[in-house]
Amino acid sequence: MRNLIKKVAPAIASTSFFVNKAFAQGSTSLWNNPQTGTAPTAAAQGTLGANITMLINYFLGILGLVAVGFLIYAGILMVTAGGAEEQVTKAKKLIMYAVAGIVIILLSYTIVTFVSSALG
């Protein structure tokens, strides 16, 4: 596990460096409008329902990324098992739970989208 962390940590660090560079190229603040460079007005920020829907979708996206990360980790476990039955069993359980999590996240997204469109 430590070897995997040692191999993955530089990739994550370099990715965060490029993401920060991408945000730095925009306006002075992350929340400013890229076209005008000014902060959005109260009318441009949307309704409370739209903001809550956006926040829920954001968290569902993060949860989806975590579930996909577990899926990738389980795949690596299975590939590197080398015939160890307990490691293969652990990987199969992780795959099953990750797929169940992805299904639940997709259903949650569908419900949020349906309710937000029904409420207008």
C-alpha atoms as a PDB file:
ATOM      1  CA  MET A   1       0.000   0.000   0.000  1.00  0.00           C
ATOM      2  CA  ARG A   2       2.849   2.385   0.819  1.00  0.00           C
ATOM      3  CA  ASN A   3       4.455   1.703  -2.552  1.00  0.00           C
ATOM      4  CA  LEU A   4       1.193   2.565  -4.287  1.00  0.00           C
ATOM      5  CA  ILE A   5       0.940   5.824  -2.351  1.00  0.00           C
ATOM      6  CA  LYS A   6       4.551   6.662  -3.181  1.00  0.00           C
ATOM      7  CA  LYS A   7       3.841   6.108  -6.871  1.00  0.00           C
ATOM      8  CA  VAL A   8       0.511   7.962  -6.995  1.00  0.00           C
ATOM      9  CA  ALA A   9       1.386  10.978  -4.806  1.00  0.00           C
ATOM     10  CA  PRO A  10       3.602  12.742  -7.413  1.00  0.00           C
ATOM     11  CA  ALA A  11       0.879  12.389 -10.034  1.00  0.00           C
ATOM     12  CA  ILE A  12      -1.709  13.920  -7.729  1.00  0.00           C
ATOM     13  CA  ALA A  13       0.634  16.733  -6.738  1.00  0.00           C
ATOM     14  CA  SER A  14       1.463  17.589 -10.353  1.00  0.00           C
ATOM     15  CA  THR A  15      -2.210  17.494 -11.309  1.00  0.00           C
ATOM     16  CA  SER A  16      -3.089  19.940  -8.540  1.00  0.00           C
ATOM     17  CA  PHE A  17      -0.288  22.207  -9.787  1.00  0.00           C
ATOM     18  CA  PHE A  18      -1.821  22.360 -13.266  1.00  0.00           C
ATOM     19  CA  VAL A  19      -5.323  22.907 -11.876  1.00  0.00           C
ATOM     20  CA  ASN A  20      -4.064  25.865  -9.841  1.00  0.00           C
ATOM     21  CA  LYS A  21      -2.411  27.252 -12.959  1.00  0.00           C
ATOM     22  CA  ALA A  22      -5.697  26.960 -14.862  1.00  0.00           C
ATOM     23  CA  PHE A  23      -7.571  28.866 -12.159  1.00  0.00           C
ATOM     24  CA  ALA A  24      -4.835  31.498 -12.020  1.00  0.00           C
ATOM     25  CA  GLN A  25      -5.288  32.343 -15.692  1.00  0.00           C
ATOM     26  CA  GLY A  26      -8.859  33.543 -15.141  1.00  0.00           C
ATOM     27  CA  SER A  27      -9.953  36.614 -13.270  1.00  0.00           C
ATOM     28  CA  THR A  28      -8.608  37.639  -9.880  1.00  0.00           C
ATOM     29  CA  SER A  29     -11.204  35.656  -7.953  1.00  0.00           C
ATOM     30  CA  LEU A  30     -12.552  32.174  -8.572  1.00  0.00           C
ATOM     31  CA  TRP A  31     -16.130  33.416  -8.198  1.00  0.00           C
ATOM     32  CA  ASN A  32     -15.818  36.374 -10.589  1.00  0.00           C
ATOM     33  CA  ASN A  33     -17.469  36.313 -13.987  1.00  0.00           C
ATOM     34  CA  PRO A  34     -14.780  35.447 -16.571  1.00  0.00           C
ATOM     35  CA  GLN A  35     -16.295  37.753 -19.223  1.00  0.00           C
ATOM     36  CA  THR A  36     -16.593  40.896 -17.121  1.00  0.00           C
ATOM     37  CA  GLY A  37     -14.138  40.228 -14.294  1.00  0.00           C
ATOM     38  CA  THR A  38     -16.658  41.343 -11.684  1.00  0.00           C
ATOM     39  CA  ALA A  39     -18.436  39.471  -8.939  1.00  0.00           C
ATOM     40  CA  PRO A  40     -21.943  38.285  -9.852  1.00  0.00           C
ATOM     41  CA  THR A  41     -24.892  40.338  -8.678  1.00  0.00           C
ATOM     42  CA  ALA A  42     -27.634  38.911  -6.478  1.00  0.00           C
ATOM     43  CA  ALA A  43     -29.887  38.458  -9.526  1.00  0.00           C
ATOM     44  CA  ALA A  44     -27.192  36.525 -11.398  1.00  0.00           C
ATOM     45  CA  GLN A  45     -26.573  34.095  -8.552  1.00  0.00           C
ATOM     46  CA  GLY A  46     -29.818  32.163  -9.107  1.00  0.00           C
ATOM     47  CA  THR A  47     -32.560  31.032  -6.818  1.00  0.00           C
ATOM     48  CA  LEU A  48     -32.150  29.117  -3.588  1.00  0.00           C
ATOM     49  CA  GLY A  49     -33.495  25.945  -5.203  1.00  0.00           C
ATOM     50  CA  ALA A  50     -31.081  26.215  -8.118  1.00  0.00           C
ATOM     51  CA  ASN A  51     -28.163  26.768  -5.747  1.00  0.00           C
ATOM     52  CA  ILE A  52     -29.144  23.776  -3.596  1.00  0.00           C
ATOM     53  CA  THR A  53     -29.505  21.602  -6.697  1.00  0.00           C
ATOM     54  CA  MET A  54     -26.091  22.721  -7.909  1.00  0.00           C
ATOM     55  CA  LEU A  55     -24.561  21.953  -4.494  1.00  0.00           C
ATOM     56  CA  ILE A  56     -26.154  18.489  -4.357  1.00  0.00           C
ATOM     57  CA  ASN A  57     -24.970  17.718  -7.900  1.00  0.00           C
ATOM     58  CA  TYR A  58     -21.469  18.875  -6.943  1.00  0.00           C
ATOM     59  CA  PHE A  59     -21.338  16.492  -3.977  1.00  0.00           C
ATOM     60  CA  LEU A  60     -22.779  13.657  -6.051  1.00  0.00           C
ATOM     61  CA  GLY A  61     -20.017  14.269  -8.587  1.00  0.00           C
ATOM     62  CA  ILE A  62     -17.376  14.078  -5.875  1.00  0.00           C
ATOM     63  CA  LEU A  63     -18.929  10.874  -4.532  1.00  0.00           C
ATOM     64  CA  GLY A  64     -18.914   9.468  -8.064  1.00  0.00           C
ATOM     65  CA  LEU A  65     -15.213  10.225  -8.380  1.00  0.00           C
ATOM     66  CA  VAL A  66     -14.547   8.503  -5.054  1.00  0.00           C
ATOM     67  CA  ALA A  67     -16.520   5.439  -6.188  1.00  0.00           C
ATOM     68  CA  VAL A  68     -14.576   5.300  -9.455  1.00  0.00           C
ATOM     69  CA  GLY A  69     -11.358   5.632  -7.445  1.00  0.00           C
ATOM     70  CA  PHE A  70     -12.363   2.616  -5.360  1.00  0.00           C
ATOM     71  CA  LEU A  71     -13.166   0.757  -8.563  1.00  0.00           C
ATOM     72  CA  ILE A  72      -9.700   1.487  -9.925  1.00  0.00           C
ATOM     73  CA  TYR A  73      -8.098   0.524  -6.602  1.00  0.00           C
ATOM     74  CA  ALA A  74     -10.012  -2.775  -6.598  1.00  0.00           C
ATOM     75  CA  GLY A  75      -8.874  -3.454 -10.150  1.00  0.00           C
ATOM     76  CA  ILE A  76      -5.257  -2.835  -9.169  1.00  0.00           C
ATOM     77  CA  LEU A  77      -5.710  -5.145  -6.180  1.00  0.00           C
ATOM     78  CA  MET A  78      -7.092  -7.876  -8.404  1.00  0.00           C
ATOM     79  CA  VAL A  79      -4.357  -7.537 -11.001  1.00  0.00           C
ATOM     80  CA  THR A  80      -1.563  -7.548  -8.430  1.00  0.00           C
ATOM     81  CA  ALA A  81      -3.057 -10.391  -6.342  1.00  0.00           C
ATOM     82  CA  GLY A  82      -0.718 -12.950  -7.816  1.00  0.00           C
ATOM     83  CA  GLY A  83      -3.006 -15.835  -6.942  1.00  0.00           C
ATOM     84  CA  ALA A  84      -3.665 -14.792  -3.333  1.00  0.00           C
ATOM     85  CA  GLU A  85      -7.292 -15.794  -2.860  1.00  0.00           C
ATOM     86  CA  GLU A  86      -7.969 -13.417   0.043  1.00  0.00           C
ATOM     87  CA  GLN A  87      -6.766 -10.427  -1.988  1.00  0.00           C
ATOM     88  CA  VAL A  88      -8.937 -11.456  -4.951  1.00  0.00           C
ATOM     89  CA  THR A  89     -11.936 -11.826  -2.619  1.00  0.00           C
ATOM     90  CA  LYS A  90     -11.262  -8.382  -1.144  1.00  0.00           C
ATOM     91  CA  ALA A  91     -11.030  -6.896  -4.641  1.00  0.00           C
ATOM     92  CA  LYS A  92     -14.307  -8.546  -5.699  1.00  0.00           C
ATOM     93  CA  LYS A  93     -16.066  -7.120  -2.644  1.00  0.00           C
ATOM     94  CA  LEU A  94     -14.655  -3.661  -3.360  1.00  0.00           C
ATOM     95  CA  ILE A  95     -15.816  -3.869  -6.975  1.00  0.00           C
ATOM     96  CA  MET A  96     -19.284  -4.946  -5.888  1.00  0.00           C
ATOM     97  CA  TYR A  97     -19.561  -2.108  -3.346  1.00  0.00           C
ATOM     98  CA  ALA A  98     -18.165   0.481  -5.757  1.00  0.00           C
ATOM     99  CA  VAL A  99     -20.615  -0.501  -8.501  1.00  0.00           C
ATOM    100  CA  ALA A 100     -23.481  -0.418  -5.964  1.00  0.00           C
ATOM    101  CA  GLY A 101     -22.304   3.053  -4.906  1.00  0.00           C
ATOM    102  CA  ILE A 102     -22.218   4.265  -8.499  1.00  0.00           C
ATOM    103  CA  VAL A 103     -25.755   2.944  -9.075  1.00  0.00           C
ATOM    104  CA  ILE A 104     -26.988   4.702  -5.923  1.00  0.00           C
ATOM    105  CA  ILE A 105     -25.267   7.936  -6.955  1.00  0.00           C
ATOM    106  CA  LEU A 106     -26.837   7.778 -10.432  1.00  0.00           C
ATOM    107  CA  LEU A 107     -30.262   7.145  -8.927  1.00  0.00           C
ATOM    108  CA  SER A 108     -29.751  10.063  -6.519  1.00  0.00           C
ATOM    109  CA  TYR A 109     -28.791  12.319  -9.416  1.00  0.00           C
ATOM    110  CA  THR A 110     -31.904  11.230 -11.305  1.00  0.00           C
ATOM    111  CA  ILE A 111     -34.128  11.953  -8.310  1.00  0.00           C
ATOM    112  CA  VAL A 112     -32.543  15.392  -7.734  1.00  0.00           C
ATOM    113  CA  THR A 113     -32.933  16.272 -11.412  1.00  0.00           C
ATOM    114  CA  PHE A 114     -36.564  15.119 -11.456  1.00  0.00           C
ATOM    115  CA  VAL A 115     -37.514  17.004  -8.282  1.00  0.00           C
ATOM    116  CA  SER A 116     -35.745  20.198  -9.346  1.00  0.00           C
ATOM    117  CA  SER A 117     -37.441  20.159 -12.745  1.00  0.00           C
ATOM    118  CA  ALA A 118     -40.829  19.380 -11.174  1.00  0.00           C
ATOM    119  CA  LEU A 119     -40.495  22.277  -8.739  1.00  0.00           C
ATOM    120  CA  GLY A 120     -39.385  24.610 -11.484  1.00  0.00           C
END
